[in-house]
Protein backbone atom coordinates (compact mmCIF):
# COMPACT_ATOMS: atom_id res chain seq x y z
CA MET A 1 9.58 19.66 86.12
CA VAL A 2 9.46 18.87 82.42
CA LEU A 3 11.55 15.83 82.29
CA GLU A 4 8.52 14.23 84.85
CA ARG A 5 5.93 15.26 82.51
CA ILE A 6 7.66 13.85 79.73
CA SER A 7 8.33 10.70 81.17
CA ASN A 8 4.71 10.23 82.28
CA ARG A 9 3.78 11.24 78.69
CA LEU A 10 5.95 8.27 78.10
CA THR A 11 4.15 5.54 80.38
CA GLY A 12 3.16 2.18 78.88
CA SER A 13 5.18 3.09 75.69
CA GLY A 14 8.57 1.51 76.29
CA LEU A 15 10.20 4.80 75.52
CA ILE A 16 12.38 6.09 78.49
CA LEU A 17 14.16 9.04 79.12
CA ARG A 18 18.10 8.64 78.08
CA GLY A 19 19.58 11.70 79.60
CA GLY A 20 20.21 15.04 77.92
CA PHE A 21 22.58 18.11 77.75
CA ARG A 22 22.51 21.97 77.64
CA THR A 23 23.05 22.81 73.89
CA ARG A 24 25.46 24.93 72.27
CA PRO A 25 25.73 27.24 69.36
CA GLU A 26 27.88 24.43 67.60
CA ASP A 27 25.47 22.01 68.04
CA ARG A 28 23.38 23.73 64.97
CA LEU A 29 20.05 22.84 66.35
CA PRO A 30 16.78 24.35 65.21
CA VAL A 31 16.28 27.90 66.65
CA LEU A 32 13.44 27.85 69.23
CA SER A 33 11.08 31.05 69.58
CA GLY A 34 13.14 33.53 71.80
CA GLY A 35 16.50 32.80 69.74
CA ASP A 36 19.00 33.78 72.51
CA ALA A 37 17.41 31.58 75.56
CA PRO A 38 19.10 28.56 76.73
CA SER A 39 17.78 25.32 75.41
CA SER A 40 18.56 21.57 76.10
CA LEU A 41 18.03 18.36 74.21
CA VAL A 42 16.62 15.31 75.83
CA LEU A 43 16.96 12.07 73.98
CA LEU A 44 14.61 9.33 74.33
CA GLY A 45 15.35 5.78 73.81
CA ASN A 46 14.41 2.24 74.93
CA ALA A 47 15.97 -0.65 76.63
CA GLY A 48 14.92 -4.25 77.13
CA PRO A 49 11.47 -5.62 75.52
CA ALA A 50 8.90 -2.89 76.84
CA LEU A 51 8.75 -1.00 73.23
CA TRP A 52 8.54 -3.90 70.99
CA ALA A 53 5.50 -4.98 73.25
CA ALA A 54 3.79 -1.64 72.87
CA PHE A 55 4.90 -1.15 69.16
CA ALA A 56 3.84 -5.16 68.27
CA ALA A 57 0.28 -3.93 69.68
CA ALA A 58 -0.02 -0.77 67.91
CA PRO A 59 -1.70 -0.65 64.55
CA GLU A 60 1.50 0.53 62.69
CA GLY A 61 2.94 -2.83 63.97
CA ALA A 62 0.51 -4.83 61.60
CA ASP A 63 -0.01 -2.67 59.05
CA GLY A 64 2.17 -4.03 56.63
CA LEU A 65 3.37 -0.31 55.34
CA PRO A 66 6.98 0.51 55.27
CA HIS A 67 9.08 1.92 58.21
CA PRO A 68 6.24 0.88 60.94
CA LEU A 69 8.45 1.55 64.21
CA ASN A 70 9.69 4.98 62.90
CA ARG A 71 6.06 5.78 61.97
CA TRP A 72 4.76 4.92 65.72
CA THR A 73 7.85 6.45 67.19
CA ARG A 74 7.03 9.88 65.52
CA GLY A 75 3.30 9.52 65.93
CA LEU A 76 4.03 9.43 69.76
CA VAL A 77 7.13 11.79 70.05
CA ASP A 78 5.51 14.45 68.51
CA GLU A 79 2.38 14.30 70.48
CA VAL A 80 4.93 14.56 73.58
CA ALA A 81 6.93 17.62 71.83
CA ALA A 82 3.62 19.64 71.28
CA ASP A 83 2.41 18.92 74.81
CA VAL A 84 5.86 20.54 76.21
CA GLY A 85 6.32 23.00 73.53
CA ALA A 86 9.48 20.99 71.95
CA ILE A 87 10.85 20.25 69.20
CA SER A 88 10.82 16.74 68.06
CA LEU A 89 14.13 15.37 66.21
CA TYR A 90 14.90 11.73 64.84
CA PRO A 91 17.35 9.49 63.92
CA PHE A 92 16.24 9.12 60.42
CA ASP A 93 14.17 10.76 57.68
CA THR A 94 17.13 13.53 57.98
CA GLU A 95 19.82 13.83 55.88
CA PRO A 96 22.51 14.28 56.82
CA ALA A 97 21.68 12.51 60.00
CA TRP A 98 21.20 14.09 63.48
CA PRO A 99 24.43 13.05 65.51
CA PHE A 100 22.55 10.66 67.91
CA GLN A 101 25.40 8.75 68.57
CA ARG A 102 27.75 11.81 69.69
CA TRP A 103 24.75 13.34 71.62
CA ALA A 104 24.42 10.03 73.48
CA LEU A 105 28.30 10.27 74.58
CA ARG A 106 27.32 13.67 76.24
CA ALA A 107 24.16 12.65 77.71
CA GLU A 108 24.51 9.09 79.36
CA PRO A 109 27.98 7.12 80.48
CA VAL A 110 27.96 5.19 77.45
CA HIS A 111 31.29 3.85 75.52
CA PRO A 112 32.19 2.86 72.02
CA SER A 113 32.02 -0.82 72.37
CA PRO A 114 35.04 -3.10 70.21
CA ILE A 115 32.26 -3.81 67.40
CA GLY A 116 31.31 0.11 67.23
CA LEU A 117 27.66 -0.13 69.20
CA LEU A 118 27.59 2.28 72.43
CA ILE A 119 27.78 0.00 75.44
CA HIS A 120 25.40 1.18 78.52
CA PRO A 121 26.96 -0.01 81.77
CA GLU A 122 23.73 -1.75 82.57
CA PHE A 123 22.01 -2.34 79.33
CA GLY A 124 25.04 -3.43 77.47
CA LEU A 125 24.19 -3.37 73.65
CA TRP A 126 20.63 -3.93 73.99
CA HIS A 127 19.62 -0.35 73.80
CA ALA A 128 18.81 2.43 71.41
CA TYR A 129 17.89 5.93 70.86
CA ARG A 130 14.63 6.73 69.09
CA ALA A 131 14.10 10.53 69.39
CA ALA A 132 15.18 13.45 70.91
CA LEU A 133 13.16 16.54 72.14
CA LEU A 134 14.93 20.32 72.03
CA LEU A 135 13.43 22.34 74.59
CA GLY A 136 13.58 26.20 74.88
CA GLU A 137 14.99 26.03 78.38
CA ALA A 138 17.68 25.37 81.01
CA VAL A 139 17.10 21.73 82.03
CA ALA A 140 18.53 20.36 85.34
CA PHE A 141 19.64 17.05 83.99
CA PRO A 142 20.22 14.67 87.01
CA GLU A 143 24.09 14.05 86.90
CA ALA A 144 25.07 10.56 85.32
CA ALA A 145 27.54 8.57 86.90
CA ALA A 146 30.75 8.32 85.10
CA GLY A 147 32.82 5.08 84.94
CA PRO A 148 35.06 3.09 82.84
CA SER A 149 33.92 1.37 79.93
CA PRO A 150 32.60 -2.25 80.76
CA CYS A 151 34.72 -3.14 77.72
CA GLU A 152 38.09 -2.22 79.42
CA SER A 153 37.68 -5.46 82.11
CA CYS A 154 36.56 -7.86 79.43
CA ARG A 155 39.68 -9.74 78.62
CA ASP A 156 38.23 -12.33 75.92
CA ARG A 157 35.94 -9.85 74.10
CA PRO A 158 33.77 -12.59 72.86
CA CYS A 159 32.22 -9.99 70.65
CA LEU A 160 35.15 -9.94 68.55
CA SER A 161 35.45 -13.49 67.79
CA SER A 162 32.09 -14.89 67.80
CA CYS A 163 31.16 -13.22 64.47
CA PRO A 164 30.52 -16.64 62.00
CA VAL A 165 32.27 -14.73 59.19
CA GLY A 166 34.95 -12.42 60.92
CA ALA A 167 33.23 -8.87 59.95
CA PHE A 168 34.29 -7.43 63.31
CA THR A 169 38.04 -6.39 63.95
CA PRO A 170 39.23 -4.20 66.26
CA ARG A 171 39.85 -1.69 63.15
CA ARG A 172 36.54 -1.68 60.94
CA TYR A 173 33.21 -3.38 60.58
CA ASP A 174 33.32 -5.21 57.15
CA VAL A 175 29.66 -4.10 56.32
CA PRO A 176 29.61 -6.19 52.76
CA ARG A 177 30.89 -9.29 54.64
CA CYS A 178 28.06 -9.32 57.08
CA LEU A 179 25.27 -8.56 54.33
CA ASN A 180 26.45 -11.47 52.44
CA HIS A 181 26.64 -13.89 55.24
CA LEU A 182 23.04 -12.75 56.24
CA GLU A 183 21.89 -13.40 52.86
CA ALA A 184 23.22 -16.92 53.05
CA PRO A 185 21.41 -19.62 54.32
CA ARG A 186 24.27 -19.88 57.10
CA GLY A 187 23.12 -16.29 58.01
CA GLU A 188 19.83 -17.92 59.43
CA ASP A 189 21.06 -17.69 62.98
CA CYS A 190 21.78 -14.14 63.18
CA MET A 191 18.78 -13.25 60.84
CA ALA A 192 16.52 -15.10 63.59
CA GLN A 193 18.32 -14.55 66.77
CA GLY A 194 20.17 -11.03 66.27
CA CYS A 195 23.53 -10.74 65.60
CA ARG A 196 25.79 -13.41 67.14
CA ALA A 197 28.59 -10.90 67.88
CA ARG A 198 26.10 -8.66 69.89
CA ARG A 199 24.76 -11.53 71.53
CA ALA A 200 28.46 -12.77 72.71
CA CYS A 201 28.66 -9.75 75.03
CA PRO A 202 28.06 -10.72 78.88
CA VAL A 203 26.71 -7.30 79.71
CA GLY A 204 23.10 -6.49 79.93
CA VAL A 205 21.95 -9.74 79.05
CA ALA A 206 18.61 -9.66 80.62
CA TYR A 207 17.83 -6.59 78.12
CA ARG A 208 18.47 -9.15 75.58
CA SER A 209 15.73 -8.89 72.54
CA SER A 210 13.40 -11.37 71.96
CA PRO A 211 13.66 -13.29 68.70
CA ALA A 212 10.52 -11.39 67.20
CA GLN A 213 12.38 -8.12 67.75
CA ALA A 214 15.85 -9.13 66.69
CA GLY A 215 14.40 -10.31 63.32
CA PHE A 216 12.83 -7.28 62.61
CA HIS A 217 15.68 -5.37 63.46
CA MET A 218 17.81 -7.89 61.36
CA ARG A 219 15.37 -7.61 58.43
CA ALA A 220 15.39 -3.68 58.49
CA PHE A 221 19.02 -4.01 58.41
CA LEU A 222 19.51 -6.16 55.75
CA ALA A 223 16.87 -4.40 53.54
CA ALA A 224 18.81 -0.92 54.18
CA GLY A 225 22.18 -2.37 53.14
CA ARG A 226 20.65 -4.07 49.86
CA ALA A 227 19.13 -0.47 48.92
CA ARG A 228 22.57 0.86 49.64
CA ARG A 229 23.87 -1.76 46.80
CA HIS A 230 21.28 -0.15 43.97
């Protein structure tokens, strides 16, 4: 079974299967050989510390070159794609970007959270989608257990009240305010430990990022924000 082959190839990398779906013409995905044959999209991602441990131990984790996590992910997933005859797709290096968040809503029981990130019933906000594999076959995916968002039963919604500068509201995320905070000395806690609003969520605490992982992603977020200003 192709899903088992993919999962076996990812062993030890921290990447895991994150569900998938049969594609539709309106998805506007690349056409595989055999054009009219059914195709399926498999999402790959991570939750918890396993991916960070594998990446940090890889050459890309310490070579000092730009975009190390993206390069490490591409090298790994491209090999898996070649092995199973798939096309690899990524949430980076493509304009316009592939709609990974919309794909995730079709592949797993995730829901938009009040701060915009997708929340998973087990992983909380501590997960990500790193790549997808487009397969030229109709894959039988395990049925995802549907259920309400964990946010529906969260009365206090600490994610909205814990940001030091009030960057999150029920209606919007004030990115410039967030970036200004991160650039100031008072933003040191968020830069070192991860977004305080994200850390306030009580779901999936066991999957929370380590300071090293959180700091890596916060630095990347700040660098991207600075680049968009210029």
